[in-house]
């Protein structure tokens, strides 16, 4: 193959990688947004809950959700 054709194939390959990375980042942002919304709803439920046992359970769920969100943010930063 000639040099020009090889360079064209390389450019096509790299652009595919960039497109797939962009799609992954967009999907990750969407998931993080959903987690943030779920976090806000869960905080409101904790505030309105009167049963201490249920509040504890909801706060544990919130802790898990926050950990997932932190991991997601870290992954998103790595993708950039």
C-alpha atoms as a PDB file:
ATOM      1  CA  UNK A   1       0.000   0.000   0.000  1.00  0.00           C
ATOM      2  CA  UNK A   2       1.081   3.482  -0.636  1.00  0.00           C
ATOM      3  CA  UNK A   3       1.742   5.962   2.091  1.00  0.00           C
ATOM      4  CA  UNK A   4      -1.302   8.095   1.287  1.00  0.00           C
ATOM      5  CA  UNK A   5      -3.650   5.132   1.524  1.00  0.00           C
ATOM      6  CA  UNK A   6      -2.104   3.990   4.809  1.00  0.00           C
ATOM      7  CA  UNK A   7      -2.476   7.452   6.288  1.00  0.00           C
ATOM      8  CA  UNK A   8      -6.110   7.553   5.194  1.00  0.00           C
ATOM      9  CA  UNK A   9      -6.807   4.211   6.876  1.00  0.00           C
ATOM     10  CA  UNK A  10      -5.105   5.413  10.042  1.00  0.00           C
ATOM     11  CA  UNK A  11      -7.179   8.599  10.069  1.00  0.00           C
ATOM     12  CA  UNK A  12     -10.379   6.591   9.603  1.00  0.00           C
ATOM     13  CA  UNK A  13      -9.431   4.308  12.475  1.00  0.00           C
ATOM     14  CA  UNK A  14      -8.636   7.182  14.818  1.00  0.00           C
ATOM     15  CA  UNK A  15     -11.849   8.996  14.013  1.00  0.00           C
ATOM     16  CA  UNK A  16     -13.797   5.842  14.915  1.00  0.00           C
ATOM     17  CA  UNK A  17     -12.077   5.745  18.289  1.00  0.00           C
ATOM     18  CA  UNK A  18     -12.901   9.373  18.928  1.00  0.00           C
ATOM     19  CA  UNK A  19     -16.537   8.851  17.973  1.00  0.00           C
ATOM     20  CA  UNK A  20     -16.895   5.864  20.251  1.00  0.00           C
ATOM     21  CA  UNK A  21     -15.267   7.780  23.111  1.00  0.00           C
ATOM     22  CA  UNK A  22     -17.630  10.687  22.549  1.00  0.00           C
ATOM     23  CA  UNK A  23     -20.618   8.341  22.667  1.00  0.00           C
ATOM     24  CA  UNK A  24     -19.346   6.761  25.885  1.00  0.00           C
ATOM     25  CA  UNK A  25     -18.890  10.198  27.464  1.00  0.00           C
ATOM     26  CA  UNK A  26     -22.389  11.274  26.442  1.00  0.00           C
ATOM     27  CA  UNK A  27     -23.910   8.091  27.838  1.00  0.00           C
ATOM     28  CA  UNK A  28     -21.937   8.495  31.055  1.00  0.00           C
ATOM     29  CA  UNK A  29     -23.148  12.078  31.456  1.00  0.00           C
ATOM     30  CA  UNK A  30     -26.716  10.887  30.966  1.00  0.00           C
ATOM     31  CA  UNK A  31     -26.321   8.183  33.615  1.00  0.00           C
ATOM     32  CA  UNK A  32     -24.726  10.659  36.039  1.00  0.00           C
ATOM     33  CA  UNK A  33     -27.610  13.050  35.506  1.00  0.00           C
ATOM     34  CA  UNK A  34     -30.088  10.281  36.309  1.00  0.00           C
ATOM     35  CA  UNK A  35     -28.130   9.405  39.450  1.00  0.00           C
ATOM     36  CA  UNK A  36     -28.145  13.045  40.546  1.00  0.00           C
ATOM     37  CA  UNK A  37     -31.918  13.247  40.084  1.00  0.00           C
ATOM     38  CA  UNK A  38     -32.370  10.029  42.015  1.00  0.00           C
ATOM     39  CA  UNK A  39     -30.152  11.445  44.767  1.00  0.00           C
ATOM     40  CA  UNK A  40     -32.351  14.538  45.115  1.00  0.00           C
ATOM     41  CA  UNK A  41     -35.513  12.429  45.278  1.00  0.00           C
ATOM     42  CA  UNK A  42     -33.971  10.176  47.892  1.00  0.00           C
ATOM     43  CA  UNK A  43     -32.927  13.148  50.043  1.00  0.00           C
ATOM     44  CA  UNK A  44     -36.486  14.476  49.932  1.00  0.00           C
ATOM     45  CA  UNK A  45     -37.852  11.073  50.927  1.00  0.00           C
ATOM     46  CA  UNK A  46     -35.452  10.951  53.881  1.00  0.00           C
ATOM     47  CA  UNK A  47     -36.577  14.401  55.035  1.00  0.00           C
ATOM     48  CA  UNK A  48     -40.262  13.449  54.909  1.00  0.00           C
ATOM     49  CA  UNK A  49     -39.859  10.020  56.501  1.00  0.00           C
ATOM     50  CA  UNK A  50     -40.826   9.790  60.179  1.00  0.00           C
ATOM     51  CA  UNK A  51     -39.779   6.212  60.889  1.00  0.00           C
ATOM     52  CA  UNK A  52     -36.127   6.158  62.086  1.00  0.00           C
ATOM     53  CA  UNK A  53     -35.534   2.641  60.773  1.00  0.00           C
ATOM     54  CA  UNK A  54     -36.780   3.615  57.328  1.00  0.00           C
ATOM     55  CA  UNK A  55     -34.660   6.790  57.433  1.00  0.00           C
ATOM     56  CA  UNK A  56     -31.605   4.681  58.170  1.00  0.00           C
ATOM     57  CA  UNK A  57     -32.378   2.372  55.270  1.00  0.00           C
ATOM     58  CA  UNK A  58     -32.877   5.301  52.908  1.00  0.00           C
ATOM     59  CA  UNK A  59     -29.664   6.953  54.073  1.00  0.00           C
ATOM     60  CA  UNK A  60     -27.770   3.737  53.334  1.00  0.00           C
ATOM     61  CA  UNK A  61     -29.262   3.707  49.850  1.00  0.00           C
ATOM     62  CA  UNK A  62     -28.177   7.326  49.491  1.00  0.00           C
ATOM     63  CA  UNK A  63     -24.623   6.435  50.522  1.00  0.00           C
ATOM     64  CA  UNK A  64     -24.511   3.699  47.889  1.00  0.00           C
ATOM     65  CA  UNK A  65     -25.877   6.076  45.282  1.00  0.00           C
ATOM     66  CA  UNK A  66     -23.280   8.715  46.160  1.00  0.00           C
ATOM     67  CA  UNK A  67     -20.481   6.164  45.874  1.00  0.00           C
ATOM     68  CA  UNK A  68     -21.746   5.097  42.449  1.00  0.00           C
ATOM     69  CA  UNK A  69     -21.907   8.707  41.334  1.00  0.00           C
ATOM     70  CA  UNK A  70     -18.365   9.423  42.530  1.00  0.00           C
ATOM     71  CA  UNK A  71     -17.070   6.406  40.635  1.00  0.00           C
ATOM     72  CA  UNK A  72     -18.955   7.516  37.550  1.00  0.00           C
ATOM     73  CA  UNK A  73     -17.452  10.991  37.738  1.00  0.00           C
ATOM     74  CA  UNK A  74     -13.982   9.474  38.057  1.00  0.00           C
ATOM     75  CA  UNK A  75     -14.576   7.290  34.997  1.00  0.00           C
ATOM     76  CA  UNK A  76     -15.871  10.274  33.040  1.00  0.00           C
ATOM     77  CA  UNK A  77     -12.724  12.233  33.873  1.00  0.00           C
ATOM     78  CA  UNK A  78     -10.606   9.322  32.655  1.00  0.00           C
ATOM     79  CA  UNK A  79     -12.503   9.261  29.359  1.00  0.00           C
ATOM     80  CA  UNK A  80     -11.632  12.899  28.674  1.00  0.00           C
END
